[in-house]
Amino acid sequence: MANFQLVSDTVLDWKKKKNMPILNKIARALSECYLYTNDLERQEWYWSKSIEEYREDKLRAVERARKAENKVQELEKQLEHYKRVLG
């Protein structure tokens, strides 16, 4: 950000000293570059946040599945025990 600030401040200073059409075009181009870059950074942040949430959801689902499998095994053992005892 510091590099962009330096360039944009310099162009604005030049515009104040001598208003030339090319400086207006450069200032506009810099503005568009800033907006584009800012949008890319924002999109990357949202993408990273989404990936992080998906990973957390997946880990929770895997943990729930493991707990369910363990409970099924435990109940199957109990069922086998009752089958032997009762019949």
C-alpha atoms as a PDB file:
ATOM      1  CA  MET A   1       0.000   0.000   0.000  1.00  0.00           C
ATOM      2  CA  ALA A   2       2.877   2.362   0.692  1.00  0.00           C
ATOM      3  CA  ASN A   3       4.100   2.141  -2.918  1.00  0.00           C
ATOM      4  CA  PHE A   4       0.664   2.924  -4.269  1.00  0.00           C
ATOM      5  CA  GLN A   5       0.315   5.822  -1.857  1.00  0.00           C
ATOM      6  CA  LEU A   6       3.655   7.249  -2.977  1.00  0.00           C
ATOM      7  CA  VAL A   7       2.760   7.058  -6.661  1.00  0.00           C
ATOM      8  CA  SER A   8      -0.757   8.422  -6.248  1.00  0.00           C
ATOM      9  CA  ASP A   9       0.382  11.300  -4.017  1.00  0.00           C
ATOM     10  CA  THR A  10       3.076  12.197  -6.543  1.00  0.00           C
ATOM     11  CA  VAL A  11       0.614  12.220  -9.433  1.00  0.00           C
ATOM     12  CA  LEU A  12      -1.821  14.354  -7.424  1.00  0.00           C
ATOM     13  CA  ASP A  13       0.972  16.808  -6.563  1.00  0.00           C
ATOM     14  CA  TRP A  14       1.923  17.059 -10.238  1.00  0.00           C
ATOM     15  CA  LYS A  15      -1.729  17.646 -11.130  1.00  0.00           C
ATOM     16  CA  LYS A  16      -1.916  20.528  -8.647  1.00  0.00           C
ATOM     17  CA  LYS A  17       1.205  22.128 -10.105  1.00  0.00           C
ATOM     18  CA  LYS A  18       0.240  21.708 -13.726  1.00  0.00           C
ATOM     19  CA  ASN A  19      -3.067  20.271 -14.782  1.00  0.00           C
ATOM     20  CA  MET A  20      -2.340  18.214 -17.881  1.00  0.00           C
ATOM     21  CA  PRO A  21      -4.738  15.767 -19.563  1.00  0.00           C
ATOM     22  CA  ILE A  22      -2.195  12.948 -19.310  1.00  0.00           C
ATOM     23  CA  LEU A  23      -1.999  13.388 -15.535  1.00  0.00           C
ATOM     24  CA  ASN A  24      -5.783  13.096 -15.335  1.00  0.00           C
ATOM     25  CA  LYS A  25      -5.582   9.849 -17.311  1.00  0.00           C
ATOM     26  CA  ILE A  26      -2.797   8.535 -15.070  1.00  0.00           C
ATOM     27  CA  ALA A  27      -4.759   9.449 -11.932  1.00  0.00           C
ATOM     28  CA  ARG A  28      -7.828   7.668 -13.300  1.00  0.00           C
ATOM     29  CA  ALA A  29      -5.765   4.601 -14.250  1.00  0.00           C
ATOM     30  CA  LEU A  30      -4.245   4.497 -10.766  1.00  0.00           C
ATOM     31  CA  SER A  31      -7.685   4.731  -9.236  1.00  0.00           C
ATOM     32  CA  GLU A  32      -8.925   1.840 -11.366  1.00  0.00           C
ATOM     33  CA  CYS A  33      -5.852  -0.231 -10.462  1.00  0.00           C
ATOM     34  CA  TYR A  34      -6.494   0.416  -6.783  1.00  0.00           C
ATOM     35  CA  LEU A  35     -10.156  -0.582  -7.037  1.00  0.00           C
ATOM     36  CA  TYR A  36      -9.292  -3.723  -9.002  1.00  0.00           C
ATOM     37  CA  THR A  37      -6.583  -4.764  -6.548  1.00  0.00           C
ATOM     38  CA  ASN A  38      -8.806  -4.046  -3.588  1.00  0.00           C
ATOM     39  CA  ASP A  39     -11.553  -6.191  -5.106  1.00  0.00           C
ATOM     40  CA  LEU A  40      -9.097  -9.061  -5.680  1.00  0.00           C
ATOM     41  CA  GLU A  41      -7.909  -8.875  -2.073  1.00  0.00           C
ATOM     42  CA  ARG A  42     -11.498  -8.840  -0.816  1.00  0.00           C
ATOM     43  CA  GLN A  43     -12.413 -11.831  -2.973  1.00  0.00           C
ATOM     44  CA  GLU A  44      -9.339 -13.745  -1.738  1.00  0.00           C
ATOM     45  CA  TRP A  45     -10.289 -13.005   1.874  1.00  0.00           C
ATOM     46  CA  TYR A  46     -13.834 -14.312   1.349  1.00  0.00           C
ATOM     47  CA  TRP A  47     -12.514 -17.356  -0.503  1.00  0.00           C
ATOM     48  CA  SER A  48     -10.092 -18.161   2.334  1.00  0.00           C
ATOM     49  CA  LYS A  49     -12.820 -17.666   4.917  1.00  0.00           C
ATOM     50  CA  SER A  50     -15.163 -19.998   3.000  1.00  0.00           C
ATOM     51  CA  ILE A  51     -12.497 -22.697   2.689  1.00  0.00           C
ATOM     52  CA  GLU A  52     -11.794 -22.425   6.423  1.00  0.00           C
ATOM     53  CA  GLU A  53     -15.494 -22.821   7.241  1.00  0.00           C
ATOM     54  CA  TYR A  54     -15.832 -25.813   4.881  1.00  0.00           C
ATOM     55  CA  ARG A  55     -12.861 -27.511   6.537  1.00  0.00           C
ATOM     56  CA  GLU A  56     -14.278 -26.925   9.998  1.00  0.00           C
ATOM     57  CA  ASP A  57     -17.669 -28.286   8.893  1.00  0.00           C
ATOM     58  CA  LYS A  58     -16.009 -31.358   7.409  1.00  0.00           C
ATOM     59  CA  LEU A  59     -13.998 -32.025  10.562  1.00  0.00           C
ATOM     60  CA  ARG A  60     -17.135 -31.734  12.688  1.00  0.00           C
ATOM     61  CA  ALA A  61     -18.976 -34.132  10.363  1.00  0.00           C
ATOM     62  CA  VAL A  62     -16.117 -36.642  10.501  1.00  0.00           C
ATOM     63  CA  GLU A  63     -16.049 -36.432  14.301  1.00  0.00           C
ATOM     64  CA  ARG A  64     -19.815 -36.984  14.501  1.00  0.00           C
ATOM     65  CA  ALA A  65     -19.526 -39.975  12.147  1.00  0.00           C
ATOM     66  CA  ARG A  66     -16.762 -41.509  14.286  1.00  0.00           C
ATOM     67  CA  LYS A  67     -18.825 -41.070  17.432  1.00  0.00           C
ATOM     68  CA  ALA A  68     -21.834 -42.644  15.710  1.00  0.00           C
ATOM     69  CA  GLU A  69     -19.729 -45.598  14.524  1.00  0.00           C
ATOM     70  CA  ASN A  70     -18.380 -46.128  18.038  1.00  0.00           C
ATOM     71  CA  LYS A  71     -21.900 -46.014  19.457  1.00  0.00           C
ATOM     72  CA  VAL A  72     -23.102 -48.540  16.857  1.00  0.00           C
ATOM     73  CA  GLN A  73     -20.258 -50.896  17.769  1.00  0.00           C
ATOM     74  CA  GLU A  74     -21.042 -50.506  21.456  1.00  0.00           C
ATOM     75  CA  LEU A  75     -24.734 -51.232  20.876  1.00  0.00           C
ATOM     76  CA  GLU A  76     -23.908 -54.229  18.672  1.00  0.00           C
ATOM     77  CA  LYS A  77     -21.763 -55.664  21.489  1.00  0.00           C
ATOM     78  CA  GLN A  78     -24.569 -55.141  23.952  1.00  0.00           C
ATOM     79  CA  LEU A  79     -27.012 -56.821  21.557  1.00  0.00           C
ATOM     80  CA  GLU A  80     -24.708 -59.814  21.148  1.00  0.00           C
ATOM     81  CA  HIS A  81     -24.358 -60.039  24.924  1.00  0.00           C
ATOM     82  CA  TYR A  82     -28.142 -60.027  25.422  1.00  0.00           C
ATOM     83  CA  LYS A  83     -28.593 -62.627  22.662  1.00  0.00           C
ATOM     84  CA  ARG A  84     -26.146 -64.956  24.427  1.00  0.00           C
ATOM     85  CA  VAL A  85     -27.659 -64.370  27.839  1.00  0.00           C
ATOM     86  CA  LEU A  86     -31.293 -64.641  26.799  1.00  0.00           C
ATOM     87  CA  GLY A  87     -31.234 -67.129  24.216  1.00  0.00           C
END
